[in-house]
Amino acid sequence: MKRIEQLQPLSKEHHLSLVLAQKAIKVSAGGKEDAIARLCQEIVNEYPDVWQVHFQIEEESIFQLINHRAKSSDNDTQQKKENKRVKQYSFVSNYSRNI
């Protein structure tokens, strides 16, 4: 599927997240704690450079479009953004504390 040029980086990152999810499933199924810990550390290390930027771009562009088109659902959109931030922060901070 051809995507507009502006969305290609986000689309590529979505693909990377699916690959990462598949890797997490395989590592988890393997049950090796050291492999699980390495993958978690990899995610934590990549988060600031890859995923945090990705989520910020989504919030600044996609959520802005949603807000613009559906002003009546502004509270829902704000709540979704806040829930997303809490989940991201919770994962990174919880894992970092357990290292």
C-alpha atoms as a PDB file:
ATOM      1  CA  MET A   1       0.000   0.000   0.000  1.00  0.00           C
ATOM      2  CA  LYS A   2       1.388   3.390  -0.986  1.00  0.00           C
ATOM      3  CA  ARG A   3       1.349   5.936   1.819  1.00  0.00           C
ATOM      4  CA  ILE A   4       1.770   9.658   1.619  1.00  0.00           C
ATOM      5  CA  GLU A   5       5.355  10.694   2.204  1.00  0.00           C
ATOM      6  CA  GLN A   6       4.660  12.423   5.532  1.00  0.00           C
ATOM      7  CA  LEU A   7       3.282   9.215   7.049  1.00  0.00           C
ATOM      8  CA  GLN A   8       6.013   6.866   5.840  1.00  0.00           C
ATOM      9  CA  PRO A   9       8.279   7.238   8.911  1.00  0.00           C
ATOM     10  CA  LEU A  10       5.370   6.575  11.273  1.00  0.00           C
ATOM     11  CA  SER A  11       4.262   3.644   9.151  1.00  0.00           C
ATOM     12  CA  LYS A  12       7.776   2.182   9.242  1.00  0.00           C
ATOM     13  CA  GLU A  13       7.863   2.582  13.023  1.00  0.00           C
ATOM     14  CA  HIS A  14       4.474   0.869  13.306  1.00  0.00           C
ATOM     15  CA  HIS A  15       5.963  -2.029  11.355  1.00  0.00           C
ATOM     16  CA  LEU A  16       8.968  -2.054  13.702  1.00  0.00           C
ATOM     17  CA  SER A  17       6.622  -2.162  16.683  1.00  0.00           C
ATOM     18  CA  LEU A  18       4.862  -5.209  15.225  1.00  0.00           C
ATOM     19  CA  VAL A  19       8.229  -6.890  14.677  1.00  0.00           C
ATOM     20  CA  LEU A  20       9.182  -6.006  18.252  1.00  0.00           C
ATOM     21  CA  ALA A  21       5.897  -7.435  19.550  1.00  0.00           C
ATOM     22  CA  GLN A  22       6.518 -10.679  17.682  1.00  0.00           C
ATOM     23  CA  LYS A  23      10.033 -10.811  19.120  1.00  0.00           C
ATOM     24  CA  ALA A  24       8.644 -10.235  22.616  1.00  0.00           C
ATOM     25  CA  ILE A  25       6.171 -13.081  22.175  1.00  0.00           C
ATOM     26  CA  LYS A  26       8.953 -15.447  21.079  1.00  0.00           C
ATOM     27  CA  VAL A  27      11.325 -14.379  23.851  1.00  0.00           C
ATOM     28  CA  SER A  28       8.598 -14.671  26.451  1.00  0.00           C
ATOM     29  CA  ALA A  29       7.564 -18.104  25.195  1.00  0.00           C
ATOM     30  CA  GLY A  30      11.190 -19.205  25.495  1.00  0.00           C
ATOM     31  CA  GLY A  31      11.000 -18.490  29.213  1.00  0.00           C
ATOM     32  CA  LYS A  32      14.663 -17.543  29.566  1.00  0.00           C
ATOM     33  CA  GLU A  33      14.816 -14.734  32.102  1.00  0.00           C
ATOM     34  CA  ASP A  34      18.124 -13.374  30.784  1.00  0.00           C
ATOM     35  CA  ALA A  35      16.707 -13.108  27.245  1.00  0.00           C
ATOM     36  CA  ILE A  36      13.574 -11.409  28.563  1.00  0.00           C
ATOM     37  CA  ALA A  37      15.690  -8.975  30.591  1.00  0.00           C
ATOM     38  CA  ARG A  38      17.876  -8.184  27.542  1.00  0.00           C
ATOM     39  CA  LEU A  39      14.828  -7.474  25.401  1.00  0.00           C
ATOM     40  CA  CYS A  40      13.294  -5.259  28.095  1.00  0.00           C
ATOM     41  CA  GLN A  41      16.569  -3.361  28.376  1.00  0.00           C
ATOM     42  CA  GLU A  42      16.691  -2.971  24.591  1.00  0.00           C
ATOM     43  CA  ILE A  43      13.192  -1.464  24.639  1.00  0.00           C
ATOM     44  CA  VAL A  44      14.078   0.889  27.500  1.00  0.00           C
ATOM     45  CA  ASN A  45      17.268   1.967  25.708  1.00  0.00           C
ATOM     46  CA  GLU A  46      15.460   2.607  22.405  1.00  0.00           C
ATOM     47  CA  TYR A  47      12.478   4.359  23.961  1.00  0.00           C
ATOM     48  CA  PRO A  48      13.904   7.924  24.108  1.00  0.00           C
ATOM     49  CA  ASP A  49      15.325   7.884  20.574  1.00  0.00           C
ATOM     50  CA  VAL A  50      12.665   5.944  18.716  1.00  0.00           C
ATOM     51  CA  TRP A  51       9.399   5.415  20.530  1.00  0.00           C
ATOM     52  CA  GLN A  52       9.124   8.595  22.588  1.00  0.00           C
ATOM     53  CA  VAL A  53       9.659  10.673  19.432  1.00  0.00           C
ATOM     54  CA  HIS A  54       7.161   8.512  17.567  1.00  0.00           C
ATOM     55  CA  PHE A  55       4.471   8.963  20.227  1.00  0.00           C
ATOM     56  CA  GLN A  56       5.160  12.686  20.422  1.00  0.00           C
ATOM     57  CA  ILE A  57       4.712  13.049  16.652  1.00  0.00           C
ATOM     58  CA  GLU A  58       1.460  11.118  16.836  1.00  0.00           C
ATOM     59  CA  GLU A  59       0.182  13.328  19.626  1.00  0.00           C
ATOM     60  CA  GLU A  60       1.193  16.517  17.883  1.00  0.00           C
ATOM     61  CA  SER A  61      -0.207  15.570  14.495  1.00  0.00           C
ATOM     62  CA  ILE A  62      -2.778  12.806  14.564  1.00  0.00           C
ATOM     63  CA  PHE A  63      -4.439  13.803  17.833  1.00  0.00           C
ATOM     64  CA  GLN A  64      -4.528  17.396  16.653  1.00  0.00           C
ATOM     65  CA  LEU A  65      -6.454  16.302  13.565  1.00  0.00           C
ATOM     66  CA  ILE A  66      -8.827  14.287  15.708  1.00  0.00           C
ATOM     67  CA  ASN A  67      -9.365  17.278  17.991  1.00  0.00           C
ATOM     68  CA  HIS A  68      -9.937  19.577  15.065  1.00  0.00           C
ATOM     69  CA  ARG A  69     -12.485  17.265  13.446  1.00  0.00           C
ATOM     70  CA  ALA A  70     -14.321  16.272  16.579  1.00  0.00           C
ATOM     71  CA  LYS A  71     -14.193  19.105  19.082  1.00  0.00           C
ATOM     72  CA  SER A  72     -17.008  17.519  21.049  1.00  0.00           C
ATOM     73  CA  SER A  73     -14.796  14.546  21.858  1.00  0.00           C
ATOM     74  CA  ASP A  74     -11.930  16.702  23.121  1.00  0.00           C
ATOM     75  CA  ASN A  75     -12.166  15.217  26.609  1.00  0.00           C
ATOM     76  CA  ASP A  76     -11.991  11.683  25.208  1.00  0.00           C
ATOM     77  CA  THR A  77      -8.922  12.548  23.150  1.00  0.00           C
ATOM     78  CA  GLN A  78      -7.205  14.189  26.109  1.00  0.00           C
ATOM     79  CA  GLN A  79      -7.980  11.143  28.227  1.00  0.00           C
ATOM     80  CA  LYS A  80      -6.541   8.820  25.559  1.00  0.00           C
ATOM     81  CA  LYS A  81      -3.357  10.895  25.399  1.00  0.00           C
ATOM     82  CA  GLU A  82      -3.013  10.858  29.170  1.00  0.00           C
ATOM     83  CA  ASN A  83      -3.651   7.106  29.372  1.00  0.00           C
ATOM     84  CA  LYS A  84      -1.023   6.513  26.696  1.00  0.00           C
ATOM     85  CA  ARG A  85       1.538   8.655  28.533  1.00  0.00           C
ATOM     86  CA  VAL A  86       0.833   6.885  31.838  1.00  0.00           C
ATOM     87  CA  LYS A  87       1.290   3.450  30.262  1.00  0.00           C
ATOM     88  CA  GLN A  88       4.543   4.479  28.549  1.00  0.00           C
ATOM     89  CA  TYR A  89       5.955   6.065  31.680  1.00  0.00           C
ATOM     90  CA  SER A  90       4.840   3.175  33.855  1.00  0.00           C
ATOM     91  CA  PHE A  91       6.566   0.577  31.701  1.00  0.00           C
ATOM     92  CA  VAL A  92       9.841   2.465  31.425  1.00  0.00           C
ATOM     93  CA  SER A  93       9.994   3.580  35.048  1.00  0.00           C
ATOM     94  CA  ASN A  94       8.947   0.186  36.465  1.00  0.00           C
ATOM     95  CA  TYR A  95      11.491  -1.655  34.367  1.00  0.00           C
ATOM     96  CA  SER A  96      14.247   0.850  35.150  1.00  0.00           C
ATOM     97  CA  ARG A  97      13.645   0.413  38.891  1.00  0.00           C
ATOM     98  CA  ASN A  98      13.921  -3.369  38.572  1.00  0.00           C
ATOM     99  CA  ILE A  99      17.279  -3.336  36.803  1.00  0.00           C
END
